[in-house]
C-alpha atoms as a PDB file:
ATOM      1  CA  GLN A   1     -21.122  21.382  19.530  1.00  0.00           C
ATOM      2  CA  ASN A   2     -19.545  20.344  16.242  1.00  0.00           C
ATOM      3  CA  LEU A   3     -16.082  20.622  17.752  1.00  0.00           C
ATOM      4  CA  MET A   4     -17.070  18.320  20.617  1.00  0.00           C
ATOM      5  CA  ALA A   5     -18.562  15.809  18.182  1.00  0.00           C
ATOM      6  CA  LEU A   6     -15.362  15.916  16.122  1.00  0.00           C
ATOM      7  CA  LEU A   7     -13.248  15.342  19.231  1.00  0.00           C
ATOM      8  CA  VAL A   8     -15.380  12.354  20.275  1.00  0.00           C
ATOM      9  CA  PHE A   9     -15.174  10.966  16.732  1.00  0.00           C
ATOM     10  CA  ILE A  10     -11.389  11.256  16.669  1.00  0.00           C
ATOM     11  CA  THR A  11     -10.731   9.872  20.152  1.00  0.00           C
ATOM     12  CA  LEU A  12     -13.389   7.166  20.154  1.00  0.00           C
ATOM     13  CA  LEU A  13     -13.493   5.942  16.558  1.00  0.00           C
ATOM     14  CA  LEU A  14     -10.801   7.253  14.247  1.00  0.00           C
ATOM     15  CA  ALA A  15      -7.741   6.932  16.503  1.00  0.00           C
ATOM     16  CA  PRO A  16      -8.534   3.363  17.667  1.00  0.00           C
ATOM     17  CA  ILE A  17      -9.163   2.277  14.068  1.00  0.00           C
ATOM     18  CA  ILE A  18      -5.862   3.797  12.939  1.00  0.00           C
ATOM     19  CA  GLU A  19      -4.073   2.212  15.901  1.00  0.00           C
ATOM     20  CA  VAL A  20      -5.454  -1.262  15.227  1.00  0.00           C
ATOM     21  CA  LEU A  21      -4.800  -1.029  11.476  1.00  0.00           C
ATOM     22  CA  ALA A  22      -1.238   0.219  11.997  1.00  0.00           C
ATOM     23  CA  MET A  23      -0.620  -2.525  14.536  1.00  0.00           C
ATOM     24  CA  ALA A  24      -2.006  -5.159  12.165  1.00  0.00           C
ATOM     25  CA  TYR A  25       0.159  -3.811   9.346  1.00  0.00           C
ATOM     26  CA  LEU A  26       3.249  -3.909  11.565  1.00  0.00           C
ATOM     27  CA  LEU A  27       2.540  -7.445  12.715  1.00  0.00           C
ATOM     28  CA  VAL A  28       1.990  -8.633   9.133  1.00  0.00           C
ATOM     29  CA  GLN A  29       5.260  -7.001   8.103  1.00  0.00           C
ATOM     30  CA  LEU A  30       7.098  -8.710  10.943  1.00  0.00           C
ATOM     31  CA  LYS A  31       5.534 -12.065  10.196  1.00  0.00           C
ATOM     32  CA  TRP A  32       6.082 -12.129   6.430  1.00  0.00           C
ATOM     33  CA  GLY A  33       8.541  -9.252   5.930  1.00  0.00           C
ATOM     34  CA  LEU A  34       6.960  -7.810   2.823  1.00  0.00           C
ATOM     35  CA  GLN A  35       7.975  -4.112   2.896  1.00  0.00           C
ATOM     36  CA  LYS A  36      10.408  -3.323   5.666  1.00  0.00           C
ATOM     37  CA  HIS A  37      10.985   0.264   4.518  1.00  0.00           C
ATOM     38  CA  GLN A  38       7.388   1.158   5.467  1.00  0.00           C
ATOM     39  CA  ILE A  39       7.642  -0.164   9.036  1.00  0.00           C
ATOM     40  CA  ALA A  40       9.065   3.084  10.433  1.00  0.00           C
ATOM     41  CA  HIS A  41       6.216   5.142   8.970  1.00  0.00           C
ATOM     42  CA  ALA A  42       3.596   2.719  10.235  1.00  0.00           C
ATOM     43  CA  TYR A  43       5.179   2.663  13.681  1.00  0.00           C
ATOM     44  CA  ARG A  44       5.161   6.476  13.851  1.00  0.00           C
ATOM     45  CA  LEU A  45       1.494   6.455  12.839  1.00  0.00           C
ATOM     46  CA  TYR A  46       0.781   3.859  15.529  1.00  0.00           C
ATOM     47  CA  LEU A  47       2.482   5.988  18.191  1.00  0.00           C
ATOM     48  CA  LYS A  48       0.631   9.144  17.128  1.00  0.00           C
ATOM     49  CA  ALA A  49      -2.719   7.355  17.080  1.00  0.00           C
ATOM     50  CA  GLN A  50      -2.013   5.773  20.461  1.00  0.00           C
ATOM     51  CA  THR A  51      -1.777   9.182  22.107  1.00  0.00           C
ATOM     52  CA  TRP A  52      -5.264  10.073  20.844  1.00  0.00           C
ATOM     53  CA  VAL A  53      -6.998   6.849  21.895  1.00  0.00           C
ATOM     54  CA  LEU A  54      -9.088   7.864  24.888  1.00  0.00           C
ATOM     55  CA  VAL A  55     -11.566   4.989  24.910  1.00  0.00           C
ATOM     56  CA  ASP A  56     -10.863   4.119  28.551  1.00  0.00           C
ATOM     57  CA  VAL A  57     -11.452   7.728  29.630  1.00  0.00           C
ATOM     58  CA  PHE A  58     -14.728   7.760  27.707  1.00  0.00           C
ATOM     59  CA  MET A  59     -15.788   4.478  29.359  1.00  0.00           C
ATOM     60  CA  LEU A  60     -15.011   5.929  32.778  1.00  0.00           C
ATOM     61  CA  GLY A  61     -17.224   8.906  31.909  1.00  0.00           C
ATOM     62  CA  VAL A  62     -20.025   6.565  30.835  1.00  0.00           C
ATOM     63  CA  LEU A  63     -19.778   4.604  34.088  1.00  0.00           C
ATOM     64  CA  VAL A  64     -19.823   7.777  36.197  1.00  0.00           C
ATOM     65  CA  ALA A  65     -22.831   9.038  34.250  1.00  0.00           C
ATOM     66  CA  LEU A  66     -24.617   5.713  34.770  1.00  0.00           C
ATOM     67  CA  VAL A  67     -24.014   5.809  38.513  1.00  0.00           C
ATOM     68  CA  LYS A  68     -25.082   9.450  38.821  1.00  0.00           C
ATOM     69  CA  LEU A  69     -28.190   9.093  36.640  1.00  0.00           C
ATOM     70  CA  THR A  70     -29.528   5.846  38.114  1.00  0.00           C
ATOM     71  CA  PRO A  71     -31.477   7.530  40.969  1.00  0.00           C
ATOM     72  CA  ILE A  72     -33.025  10.048  38.577  1.00  0.00           C
ATOM     73  CA  VAL A  73     -33.916   8.036  35.466  1.00  0.00           C
ATOM     74  CA  ILE A  74     -34.137   4.449  34.299  1.00  0.00           C
ATOM     75  CA  VAL A  75     -30.866   3.670  32.567  1.00  0.00           C
ATOM     76  CA  LYS A  76     -30.868   0.938  29.937  1.00  0.00           C
ATOM     77  CA  VAL A  77     -27.419  -0.460  29.169  1.00  0.00           C
ATOM     78  CA  ASP A  78     -27.513  -1.651  25.583  1.00  0.00           C
ATOM     79  CA  ILE A  79     -25.154  -2.996  22.936  1.00  0.00           C
ATOM     80  CA  ALA A  80     -23.119   0.214  22.570  1.00  0.00           C
ATOM     81  CA  VAL A  81     -21.784   0.062  26.130  1.00  0.00           C
ATOM     82  CA  TRP A  82     -20.870  -3.605  25.716  1.00  0.00           C
ATOM     83  CA  ALA A  83     -19.187  -2.861  22.384  1.00  0.00           C
ATOM     84  CA  LEU A  84     -17.190  -0.085  24.053  1.00  0.00           C
ATOM     85  CA  ALA A  85     -16.143  -2.466  26.827  1.00  0.00           C
ATOM     86  CA  GLY A  86     -15.117  -5.015  24.182  1.00  0.00           C
ATOM     87  CA  LEU A  87     -13.066  -2.379  22.379  1.00  0.00           C
ATOM     88  CA  ILE A  88     -11.258  -1.533  25.608  1.00  0.00           C
ATOM     89  CA  ILE A  89     -10.478  -5.207  26.222  1.00  0.00           C
ATOM     90  CA  LEU A  90      -9.307  -5.651  22.606  1.00  0.00           C
ATOM     91  CA  LEU A  91      -7.041  -2.597  22.701  1.00  0.00           C
ATOM     92  CA  THR A  92      -5.593  -3.660  26.056  1.00  0.00           C
ATOM     93  CA  ALA A  93      -4.870  -7.183  24.806  1.00  0.00           C
ATOM     94  CA  LEU A  94      -3.319  -5.899  21.582  1.00  0.00           C
ATOM     95  CA  THR A  95      -1.143  -3.416  23.429  1.00  0.00           C
ATOM     96  CA  GLN A  96       0.103  -6.103  25.803  1.00  0.00           C
ATOM     97  CA  ALA A  97       0.883  -8.510  22.948  1.00  0.00           C
ATOM     98  CA  PHE A  98       2.661  -5.846  20.892  1.00  0.00           C
ATOM     99  CA  ASP A  99       6.445  -6.015  21.260  1.00  0.00           C
ATOM    100  CA  ALA A 100       7.949  -2.598  20.458  1.00  0.00           C
ATOM    101  CA  ARG A 101      11.523  -3.875  20.781  1.00  0.00           C
ATOM    102  CA  LYS A 102      10.961  -6.392  18.016  1.00  0.00           C
ATOM    103  CA  ILE A 103       9.521  -3.654  15.795  1.00  0.00           C
ATOM    104  CA  TRP A 104      12.545  -1.401  16.382  1.00  0.00           C
ATOM    105  CA  SER A 105      14.951  -4.247  15.641  1.00  0.00           C
ATOM    106  CA  GLN A 106      13.315  -4.770  12.231  1.00  0.00           C
ATOM    107  CA  ILE A 107      13.394  -1.123  11.118  1.00  0.00           C
ATOM    108  CA  ASP A 108      16.129  -0.234   8.658  1.00  0.00           C
ATOM    109  CA  PHE A 109      17.033   3.358   9.473  1.00  0.00           C
ATOM    110  CA  HIS A 110      19.638   3.590   6.698  1.00  0.00           C
ATOM    111  CA  GLN A 111      17.100   3.248   3.922  1.00  0.00           C
ATOM    112  CA  PRO A 112      15.809   6.538   2.416  1.00  0.00           C
END
């Protein structure tokens, strides 16, 4: 039970937060160029967090559960489902606007 709760916490909350924060950090660095030596670390963190973001899979599970449970019980869709849908739209828009080639061109691999 605790392991399942931890997995949901990581894939639904922690990984998307890390992904969005790493992406914001990378975009700020590209815009103003404050600390270019940290871009490679932030990009690696972004890629690792991206593999753990399973918000769309969770939303699919919620939709399947809603369809299956509707004949049995009264299902009330509240703010949490709409927030989850908003998070999916936000992550999709951010991923589409994120240019990985521009990030790689700004990384200085010769710096220790």
